[in-house]
Amino acid sequence: MKQCLAECLGTLIHTMLSCGATAQFVLSCGAHKDFLTVTFAGGFAVALGILVTSKVSGAHLNPAVTFALCLLACEPWLKFPFFFLAQTLGAFLGSGIMFGLYYDKLWHYGNKQLTVFGANSTAGIFATYPHEHLSAVNGIFEQ
């Protein structure tokens, strides 16, 4: 239970800081558009997540990492479903906190719409999406 809470908190911190940096980059309308800021913030987010959770749970911070460690027999498979749920919850909570903090700015920036594509799309702050021109075959090879 303690390890699951640590994974949830670590993933929350990582997601919250990463989404916050991306939101600042996208929503600043030119005032703070330095991609290096997002890059450093992402690195800091991972480092802080690791710092908070490494001694308790090993700082997986991502279900893919947990899956890989279970596949390589570095972690027992029994941990996987619990870590998966804790990390997913942490990611949703972190994104939700940033959505709440930037709620008014998101609606203003998107002209009262939250869209995935277009000039004022805001969905890319919280997740990655393929570009409109990308075919399914190319998308498979790209990912």
Protein backbone atom coordinates (compact mmCIF):
# COMPACT_ATOMS: atom_id res chain seq x y z
CA MET A 1 0.00 0.00 0.00
CA LYS A 2 2.83 2.38 0.89
CA GLN A 3 4.54 1.68 -2.44
CA CYS A 4 1.32 2.29 -4.37
CA LEU A 5 0.79 5.63 -2.65
CA ALA A 6 4.38 6.59 -3.43
CA GLU A 7 3.90 5.71 -7.12
CA CYS A 8 0.65 7.69 -7.20
CA LEU A 9 2.33 10.73 -5.64
CA GLY A 10 5.43 10.49 -7.83
CA THR A 11 3.37 10.19 -11.01
CA LEU A 12 1.13 13.05 -9.85
CA ILE A 13 4.18 15.29 -9.34
CA HIS A 14 5.69 14.30 -12.67
CA THR A 15 2.45 14.82 -14.61
CA MET A 16 1.47 18.01 -12.82
CA LEU A 17 4.80 19.74 -13.42
CA SER A 18 5.08 18.51 -17.01
CA CYS A 19 1.53 19.58 -17.88
CA GLY A 20 2.06 22.88 -16.08
CA ALA A 21 5.16 23.65 -18.13
CA THR A 22 3.41 22.71 -21.35
CA ALA A 23 0.37 24.82 -20.41
CA GLN A 24 2.61 27.79 -19.69
CA PHE A 25 4.31 27.30 -23.06
CA VAL A 26 1.09 26.96 -25.08
CA LEU A 27 -1.12 29.47 -23.27
CA SER A 28 1.37 32.32 -22.84
CA CYS A 29 0.69 33.61 -26.38
CA GLY A 30 4.30 34.53 -26.99
CA ALA A 31 5.19 35.97 -23.60
CA HIS A 32 6.96 32.83 -22.35
CA LYS A 33 7.42 30.76 -25.51
CA ASP A 34 10.79 29.19 -24.86
CA PHE A 35 10.73 25.45 -25.52
CA LEU A 36 13.85 25.05 -23.40
CA THR A 37 11.68 25.92 -20.39
CA VAL A 38 9.40 22.96 -21.13
CA THR A 39 12.40 20.68 -21.57
CA PHE A 40 14.02 21.69 -18.30
CA ALA A 41 10.69 21.54 -16.46
CA GLY A 42 10.10 18.01 -17.78
CA GLY A 43 13.52 16.94 -16.56
CA PHE A 44 12.91 18.58 -13.20
CA ALA A 45 9.49 16.88 -12.97
CA VAL A 46 11.02 13.44 -13.52
CA ALA A 47 13.87 14.17 -11.10
CA LEU A 48 11.47 15.34 -8.38
CA GLY A 49 9.19 12.33 -8.93
CA ILE A 50 12.19 10.02 -8.61
CA LEU A 51 13.46 11.85 -5.54
CA VAL A 52 10.10 11.53 -3.79
CA THR A 53 9.49 7.84 -4.59
CA SER A 54 12.81 6.09 -5.19
CA LYS A 55 13.40 4.84 -1.65
CA VAL A 56 9.82 3.69 -1.17
CA SER A 57 8.80 2.07 -4.46
CA GLY A 58 11.70 2.29 -6.89
CA ALA A 59 10.29 5.30 -8.78
CA HIS A 60 8.75 3.58 -11.78
CA LEU A 61 6.40 6.57 -12.42
CA ASN A 62 5.02 4.91 -15.54
CA PRO A 63 3.07 1.69 -16.15
CA ALA A 64 5.36 0.87 -19.10
CA VAL A 65 8.38 0.90 -16.78
CA THR A 66 6.59 -1.30 -14.26
CA PHE A 67 5.57 -3.71 -17.05
CA ALA A 68 9.13 -3.89 -18.37
CA LEU A 69 10.52 -4.56 -14.89
CA CYS A 70 7.96 -7.33 -14.36
CA LEU A 71 8.75 -8.78 -17.78
CA LEU A 72 12.46 -8.86 -16.90
CA ALA A 73 11.63 -10.48 -13.53
CA CYS A 74 13.00 -7.48 -11.60
CA GLU A 75 9.60 -6.98 -9.95
CA PRO A 76 6.88 -9.52 -9.11
CA TRP A 77 3.86 -9.58 -11.42
CA LEU A 78 1.62 -9.17 -8.38
CA LYS A 79 2.73 -5.52 -8.15
CA PHE A 80 1.81 -4.68 -11.72
CA PRO A 81 -1.99 -4.19 -11.42
CA PHE A 82 -1.63 -2.17 -8.21
CA PHE A 83 1.17 0.03 -9.55
CA PHE A 84 -0.73 0.43 -12.83
CA LEU A 85 -3.81 1.72 -11.01
CA ALA A 86 -1.79 3.96 -8.69
CA GLN A 87 0.22 5.48 -11.55
CA THR A 88 -2.88 5.99 -13.68
CA LEU A 89 -4.67 7.67 -10.78
CA GLY A 90 -1.63 9.88 -10.13
CA ALA A 91 -1.48 10.92 -13.80
CA PHE A 92 -5.18 11.81 -13.86
CA LEU A 93 -4.92 13.73 -10.60
CA GLY A 94 -1.85 15.65 -11.79
CA SER A 95 -3.53 16.55 -15.08
CA GLY A 96 -6.74 17.42 -13.25
CA ILE A 97 -4.93 19.80 -10.92
CA MET A 98 -3.36 21.59 -13.89
CA PHE A 99 -6.69 21.66 -15.71
CA GLY A 100 -8.26 23.29 -12.65
CA LEU A 101 -5.47 25.82 -12.25
CA TYR A 102 -5.55 26.81 -15.94
CA TYR A 103 -9.31 26.38 -16.42
CA ASP A 104 -10.14 30.00 -17.23
CA LYS A 105 -7.07 30.45 -19.43
CA LEU A 106 -7.86 27.24 -21.36
CA TRP A 107 -11.36 28.45 -22.20
CA HIS A 108 -10.11 31.92 -23.10
CA TYR A 109 -7.27 30.62 -25.29
CA GLY A 110 -9.55 28.15 -27.09
CA ASN A 111 -12.29 30.75 -27.72
CA LYS A 112 -14.72 28.94 -25.43
CA GLN A 113 -13.88 25.54 -26.98
CA LEU A 114 -11.48 22.80 -25.98
CA THR A 115 -10.16 21.30 -29.21
CA VAL A 116 -7.63 18.69 -30.28
CA PHE A 117 -6.63 20.25 -33.62
CA GLY A 118 -6.41 23.79 -34.93
CA ALA A 119 -4.60 27.02 -34.16
CA ASN A 120 -5.89 27.28 -30.59
CA SER A 121 -5.99 23.60 -29.68
CA THR A 122 -5.52 22.86 -26.00
CA ALA A 123 -5.71 19.06 -25.81
CA GLY A 124 -2.01 18.73 -26.58
CA ILE A 125 -1.24 20.21 -23.17
CA PHE A 126 -2.45 17.04 -21.48
CA ALA A 127 -1.74 14.29 -24.04
CA THR A 128 -0.10 13.67 -27.39
CA TYR A 129 -2.10 13.36 -30.59
CA PRO A 130 -1.07 12.57 -34.16
CA HIS A 131 -1.13 15.44 -36.64
CA GLU A 132 -4.11 15.65 -38.99
CA HIS A 133 -1.95 14.80 -42.03
CA LEU A 134 -0.51 11.60 -40.51
CA SER A 135 -1.82 8.36 -42.00
CA ALA A 136 -2.50 5.30 -39.86
CA VAL A 137 0.39 3.37 -41.43
CA ASN A 138 2.85 6.21 -40.91
CA GLY A 139 1.55 6.67 -37.37
CA ILE A 140 2.28 3.03 -36.55
CA PHE A 141 5.86 3.34 -37.78
CA GLU A 142 6.34 6.70 -36.08
CA GLN A 143 5.22 5.43 -32.71
